[in-house]
C-alpha atoms as a PDB file:
ATOM      1  CA  MET A   1       0.237  -0.077  -0.137  1.00  0.00           C
ATOM      2  CA  SER A   2       1.161   3.596  -0.940  1.00  0.00           C
ATOM      3  CA  GLY A   3      -0.503   5.431   1.740  1.00  0.00           C
ATOM      4  CA  HIS A   4      -2.319   8.749   0.485  1.00  0.00           C
ATOM      5  CA  SER A   5      -0.524   9.134  -2.816  1.00  0.00           C
ATOM      6  CA  LYS A   6       0.531   6.334  -5.256  1.00  0.00           C
ATOM      7  CA  TRP A   7       2.548   8.947  -7.443  1.00  0.00           C
ATOM      8  CA  SER A   8       5.049  10.057  -4.399  1.00  0.00           C
ATOM      9  CA  THR A   9       6.145   6.577  -3.702  1.00  0.00           C
ATOM     10  CA  ILE A  10       6.482   6.206  -7.434  1.00  0.00           C
ATOM     11  CA  LYS A  11       8.296   9.777  -7.507  1.00  0.00           C
ATOM     12  CA  ARG A  12      10.620   8.596  -4.662  1.00  0.00           C
ATOM     13  CA  LYS A  13      11.921   5.395  -6.163  1.00  0.00           C
ATOM     14  CA  LYS A  14      12.258   6.786  -9.481  1.00  0.00           C
ATOM     15  CA  GLY A  15      14.464  10.171  -7.682  1.00  0.00           C
ATOM     16  CA  ALA A  16      16.608   7.654  -6.259  1.00  0.00           C
ATOM     17  CA  ALA A  17      17.317   5.473  -9.041  1.00  0.00           C
ATOM     18  CA  ASP A  18      17.939   8.682 -11.165  1.00  0.00           C
ATOM     19  CA  ALA A  19      20.261   9.146  -8.576  1.00  0.00           C
ATOM     20  CA  LYS A  20      22.300   6.042  -8.977  1.00  0.00           C
ATOM     21  CA  ARG A  21      22.470   5.850 -12.608  1.00  0.00           C
ATOM     22  CA  GLY A  22      23.846   9.611 -12.443  1.00  0.00           C
ATOM     23  CA  ALA A  23      26.818   8.632 -10.506  1.00  0.00           C
ATOM     24  CA  ILE A  24      27.376   5.692 -12.008  1.00  0.00           C
ATOM     25  CA  PHE A  25      27.497   8.028 -15.462  1.00  0.00           C
ATOM     26  CA  THR A  26      29.706  10.726 -13.921  1.00  0.00           C
ATOM     27  CA  ARG A  27      32.225   7.530 -12.726  1.00  0.00           C
ATOM     28  CA  LEU A  28      32.355   6.326 -16.499  1.00  0.00           C
ATOM     29  CA  ALA A  29      32.312  10.346 -18.267  1.00  0.00           C
ATOM     30  CA  ARG A  30      35.287  10.611 -16.221  1.00  0.00           C
ATOM     31  CA  GLU A  31      37.272   7.553 -16.967  1.00  0.00           C
ATOM     32  CA  ILE A  32      36.144   7.661 -21.008  1.00  0.00           C
ATOM     33  CA  VAL A  33      37.568  11.549 -20.274  1.00  0.00           C
ATOM     34  CA  MET A  34      40.743  10.420 -18.756  1.00  0.00           C
ATOM     35  CA  SER A  35      41.316   7.426 -21.493  1.00  0.00           C
ATOM     36  CA  SER A  36      40.850  10.036 -24.522  1.00  0.00           C
ATOM     37  CA  ARG A  37      43.417  12.192 -23.243  1.00  0.00           C
ATOM     38  CA  GLU A  38      45.574   9.870 -22.173  1.00  0.00           C
ATOM     39  CA  GLY A  39      45.777   8.104 -25.640  1.00  0.00           C
ATOM     40  CA  GLY A  40      43.432   9.655 -27.758  1.00  0.00           C
ATOM     41  CA  SER A  41      40.349   9.909 -29.242  1.00  0.00           C
ATOM     42  CA  ASP A  42      40.035   7.234 -31.680  1.00  0.00           C
ATOM     43  CA  ILE A  43      38.254   4.005 -30.237  1.00  0.00           C
ATOM     44  CA  ASP A  44      40.020   1.713 -32.656  1.00  0.00           C
ATOM     45  CA  SER A  45      43.253   2.743 -31.665  1.00  0.00           C
ATOM     46  CA  ASN A  46      42.722   3.274 -27.875  1.00  0.00           C
ATOM     47  CA  PHE A  47      42.265   0.462 -25.802  1.00  0.00           C
ATOM     48  CA  ARG A  48      41.695   1.797 -22.830  1.00  0.00           C
ATOM     49  CA  LEU A  49      39.009   4.033 -24.187  1.00  0.00           C
ATOM     50  CA  ARG A  50      37.303   1.180 -26.255  1.00  0.00           C
ATOM     51  CA  LEU A  51      36.650  -0.577 -22.606  1.00  0.00           C
ATOM     52  CA  ALA A  52      35.728   2.685 -20.873  1.00  0.00           C
ATOM     53  CA  VAL A  53      33.205   2.747 -23.628  1.00  0.00           C
ATOM     54  CA  ASP A  54      32.134  -0.864 -23.265  1.00  0.00           C
ATOM     55  CA  LYS A  55      31.260  -0.191 -19.992  1.00  0.00           C
ATOM     56  CA  ALA A  56      29.464   2.778 -20.366  1.00  0.00           C
ATOM     57  CA  ARG A  57      27.553   1.171 -23.359  1.00  0.00           C
ATOM     58  CA  ALA A  58      26.897  -1.889 -20.806  1.00  0.00           C
ATOM     59  CA  GLU A  59      25.618   0.450 -18.115  1.00  0.00           C
ATOM     60  CA  ASN A  60      23.043   1.983 -20.956  1.00  0.00           C
ATOM     61  CA  MET A  61      24.835   5.410 -20.822  1.00  0.00           C
ATOM     62  CA  PRO A  62      23.576   7.864 -23.724  1.00  0.00           C
ATOM     63  CA  LYS A  63      25.390   8.097 -26.808  1.00  0.00           C
ATOM     64  CA  ASP A  64      25.520  11.724 -27.118  1.00  0.00           C
ATOM     65  CA  ASN A  65      26.948  11.541 -23.174  1.00  0.00           C
ATOM     66  CA  ILE A  66      29.932   9.608 -24.277  1.00  0.00           C
ATOM     67  CA  GLU A  67      30.683  11.321 -27.132  1.00  0.00           C
ATOM     68  CA  ARG A  68      31.040  14.556 -24.979  1.00  0.00           C
ATOM     69  CA  ALA A  69      33.078  12.864 -22.880  1.00  0.00           C
ATOM     70  CA  ILE A  70      35.240  11.869 -25.296  1.00  0.00           C
ATOM     71  CA  LYS A  71      35.632  15.650 -26.640  1.00  0.00           C
ATOM     72  CA  ARG A  72      35.999  16.881 -23.074  1.00  0.00           C
ATOM     73  CA  GLY A  73      39.103  14.685 -23.139  1.00  0.00           C
ATOM     74  CA  SER A  74      40.593  15.144 -25.948  1.00  0.00           C
ATOM     75  CA  GLY A  75      40.274  19.113 -26.187  1.00  0.00           C
ATOM     76  CA  GLU A  76      37.980  19.332 -28.644  1.00  0.00           C
ATOM     77  CA  ASP A  77      35.115  20.594 -26.342  1.00  0.00           C
ATOM     78  CA  LYS A  78      36.036  23.350 -24.229  1.00  0.00           C
ATOM     79  CA  ASP A  79      33.775  23.864 -21.089  1.00  0.00           C
ATOM     80  CA  GLY A  80      36.567  24.625 -18.837  1.00  0.00           C
ATOM     81  CA  THR A  81      36.389  21.433 -16.485  1.00  0.00           C
ATOM     82  CA  VAL A  82      39.827  19.555 -16.717  1.00  0.00           C
ATOM     83  CA  PHE A  83      40.670  16.288 -14.568  1.00  0.00           C
ATOM     84  CA  GLU A  84      43.488  15.393 -13.727  1.00  0.00           C
ATOM     85  CA  LYS A  85      44.896  11.885 -12.353  1.00  0.00           C
ATOM     86  CA  ILE A  86      47.029  12.654  -8.953  1.00  0.00           C
ATOM     87  CA  THR A  87      48.354   9.562  -6.687  1.00  0.00           C
ATOM     88  CA  TYR A  88      48.817  10.539  -3.196  1.00  0.00           C
ATOM     89  CA  GLU A  89      50.702   8.065  -0.180  1.00  0.00           C
ATOM     90  CA  GLY A  90      49.633   7.494   2.941  1.00  0.00           C
ATOM     91  CA  TYR A  91      49.495   5.105   6.035  1.00  0.00           C
ATOM     92  CA  ALA A  92      46.550   3.606   6.654  1.00  0.00           C
ATOM     93  CA  PRO A  93      45.787   1.807  10.376  1.00  0.00           C
ATOM     94  CA  HIS A  94      48.624  -0.593  11.643  1.00  0.00           C
ATOM     95  CA  GLY A  95      51.311   1.514   9.599  1.00  0.00           C
ATOM     96  CA  VAL A  96      49.883  -0.127   6.207  1.00  0.00           C
ATOM     97  CA  ALA A  97      51.119   1.723   3.059  1.00  0.00           C
ATOM     98  CA  VAL A  98      48.896   3.010   0.689  1.00  0.00           C
ATOM     99  CA  MET A  99      48.766   4.433  -2.510  1.00  0.00           C
ATOM    100  CA  VAL A 100      45.278   6.194  -3.811  1.00  0.00           C
ATOM    101  CA  GLU A 101      45.582   7.190  -7.855  1.00  0.00           C
ATOM    102  CA  THR A 102      42.388  10.091  -7.975  1.00  0.00           C
ATOM    103  CA  VAL A 103      40.733  11.866 -10.949  1.00  0.00           C
ATOM    104  CA  THR A 104      39.802  14.971 -10.240  1.00  0.00           C
ATOM    105  CA  ASP A 105      38.688  18.207 -11.116  1.00  0.00           C
ATOM    106  CA  ASN A 106      39.777  19.746  -7.656  1.00  0.00           C
ATOM    107  CA  ARG A 107      42.362  19.257  -5.939  1.00  0.00           C
ATOM    108  CA  ASN A 108      41.785  21.001  -2.799  1.00  0.00           C
ATOM    109  CA  ARG A 109      38.945  18.805  -1.986  1.00  0.00           C
ATOM    110  CA  THR A 110      40.005  15.995  -3.062  1.00  0.00           C
ATOM    111  CA  VAL A 111      43.385  15.961  -1.163  1.00  0.00           C
ATOM    112  CA  SER A 112      40.713  17.317   2.257  1.00  0.00           C
ATOM    113  CA  ASP A 113      38.588  14.252   1.565  1.00  0.00           C
ATOM    114  CA  LEU A 114      40.930  11.967   1.255  1.00  0.00           C
ATOM    115  CA  ARG A 115      42.838  13.151   4.488  1.00  0.00           C
ATOM    116  CA  HIS A 116      39.948  13.009   6.228  1.00  0.00           C
ATOM    117  CA  ALA A 117      38.914   9.380   5.369  1.00  0.00           C
ATOM    118  CA  LEU A 118      42.612   8.567   6.217  1.00  0.00           C
ATOM    119  CA  THR A 119      42.529  10.465   9.320  1.00  0.00           C
ATOM    120  CA  LYS A 120      38.440   9.026  10.555  1.00  0.00           C
ATOM    121  CA  ALA A 121      39.934   5.332   9.825  1.00  0.00           C
ATOM    122  CA  GLY A 122      43.540   5.598  12.190  1.00  0.00           C
ATOM    123  CA  GLY A 123      45.786   6.414   8.951  1.00  0.00           C
ATOM    124  CA  THR A 124      47.568   9.575   8.050  1.00  0.00           C
ATOM    125  CA  MET A 125      48.596  11.092   5.136  1.00  0.00           C
ATOM    126  CA  GLY A 126      52.334  10.740   3.478  1.00  0.00           C
ATOM    127  CA  GLU A 127      54.759  12.757   1.905  1.00  0.00           C
ATOM    128  CA  LEU A 128      55.665  12.490  -2.143  1.00  0.00           C
ATOM    129  CA  GLY A 129      57.706   9.265  -2.244  1.00  0.00           C
ATOM    130  CA  SER A 130      57.087   8.440   1.486  1.00  0.00           C
ATOM    131  CA  VAL A 131      55.762   5.016   0.245  1.00  0.00           C
ATOM    132  CA  ALA A 132      56.064   4.595  -3.556  1.00  0.00           C
ATOM    133  CA  TRP A 133      59.319   3.275  -3.119  1.00  0.00           C
ATOM    134  CA  GLN A 134      57.640  -0.016  -1.696  1.00  0.00           C
ATOM    135  CA  PHE A 135      55.386  -0.681  -4.607  1.00  0.00           C
ATOM    136  CA  GLU A 136      56.089  -1.004  -8.460  1.00  0.00           C
ATOM    137  CA  HIS A 137      53.378  -0.866 -10.975  1.00  0.00           C
ATOM    138  CA  VAL A 138      53.239  -4.383 -13.161  1.00  0.00           C
ATOM    139  CA  ALA A 139      50.286  -5.719 -15.445  1.00  0.00           C
ATOM    140  CA  TYR A 140      48.929  -8.634 -13.916  1.00  0.00           C
ATOM    141  CA  PHE A 141      46.961 -11.663 -15.927  1.00  0.00           C
ATOM    142  CA  SER A 142      45.073 -14.094 -14.143  1.00  0.00           C
ATOM    143  CA  PHE A 143      43.288 -17.253 -16.469  1.00  0.00           C
ATOM    144  CA  PRO A 144      42.218 -20.928 -15.808  1.00  0.00           C
ATOM    145  CA  SER A 145      44.733 -23.235 -17.934  1.00  0.00           C
ATOM    146  CA  THR A 146      41.542 -25.045 -19.247  1.00  0.00           C
ATOM    147  CA  ALA A 147      41.572 -22.021 -21.517  1.00  0.00           C
ATOM    148  CA  MET A 148      45.109 -21.995 -22.640  1.00  0.00           C
ATOM    149  CA  ASN A 149      48.134 -24.727 -21.470  1.00  0.00           C
ATOM    150  CA  PHE A 150      50.859 -23.542 -19.433  1.00  0.00           C
ATOM    151  CA  ASP A 151      53.475 -24.040 -22.401  1.00  0.00           C
ATOM    152  CA  LYS A 152      51.940 -22.394 -24.570  1.00  0.00           C
ATOM    153  CA  ALA A 153      50.971 -19.439 -22.023  1.00  0.00           C
ATOM    154  CA  PHE A 154      54.716 -19.271 -20.993  1.00  0.00           C
ATOM    155  CA  GLU A 155      55.547 -18.814 -24.725  1.00  0.00           C
ATOM    156  CA  LEU A 156      53.517 -15.894 -25.677  1.00  0.00           C
ATOM    157  CA  GLY A 157      54.272 -14.286 -22.280  1.00  0.00           C
ATOM    158  CA  ILE A 158      57.494 -14.300 -22.517  1.00  0.00           C
ATOM    159  CA  GLU A 159      57.620 -13.273 -26.490  1.00  0.00           C
ATOM    160  CA  ALA A 160      55.080 -10.580 -25.357  1.00  0.00           C
ATOM    161  CA  GLY A 161      58.280  -8.935 -23.078  1.00  0.00           C
ATOM    162  CA  ALA A 162      56.450 -10.565 -19.431  1.00  0.00           C
ATOM    163  CA  ASN A 163      58.821 -10.635 -16.391  1.00  0.00           C
ATOM    164  CA  ASP A 164      57.256 -14.077 -15.197  1.00  0.00           C
ATOM    165  CA  VAL A 165      54.611 -16.702 -16.205  1.00  0.00           C
ATOM    166  CA  LEU A 166      53.351 -18.904 -13.335  1.00  0.00           C
ATOM    167  CA  ASP A 167      50.916 -22.168 -12.835  1.00  0.00           C
ATOM    168  CA  ASP A 168      49.466 -22.487  -9.375  1.00  0.00           C
ATOM    169  CA  ASN A 169      46.618 -24.935  -8.847  1.00  0.00           C
ATOM    170  CA  GLY A 170      45.195 -24.647 -12.062  1.00  0.00           C
ATOM    171  CA  THR A 171      45.699 -20.548 -12.857  1.00  0.00           C
ATOM    172  CA  VAL A 172      48.201 -19.411 -15.039  1.00  0.00           C
ATOM    173  CA  GLU A 173      49.627 -15.926 -13.831  1.00  0.00           C
ATOM    174  CA  ILE A 174      51.587 -13.507 -16.019  1.00  0.00           C
ATOM    175  CA  PHE A 175      53.276 -10.313 -14.661  1.00  0.00           C
ATOM    176  CA  GLY A 176      55.250  -7.892 -16.759  1.00  0.00           C
ATOM    177  CA  PRO A 177      55.711  -4.244 -17.182  1.00  0.00           C
ATOM    178  CA  VAL A 178      52.508  -2.085 -17.673  1.00  0.00           C
ATOM    179  CA  ASP A 179      54.267   0.146 -20.600  1.00  0.00           C
ATOM    180  CA  THR A 180      54.679  -3.441 -22.703  1.00  0.00           C
ATOM    181  CA  PHE A 181      50.617  -4.234 -21.945  1.00  0.00           C
END
């Protein structure tokens, strides 16, 4: 039973659903903008952009929103909003080192929100380079060995420039440099 007005219930549910979709569309648009900024606006030559557009289409994002995000990232659209990718370093509770990669249009708001979240959880922000030495950027692929036998995966991985190819309980794992993959 809706009580007094069925329309009020429908309006409230629709508003909540629209807010969730809007948040998803915003996140997807940022990914598209960053992808097109880093690799160009051609979907055929920019694999990261292709993945971002495929995700957006899977979420039923309108085509004009996708095209507008690509134009914004490539610099064709001069709307004034500039997204940038920033990496912050810090310590989580119990001294666990963390690196947080963000995409933002406002550095000051992002750093204050991150500092607040870390402080609330019992952590602290670190200086540039304070924990980065503990991390290494690597590409990682994992798939069941039923998809491809280990010997074939080893050959392909090494030819492509992988650092290591492992067979771990029926799972093939490939590690390599990010720029190669």
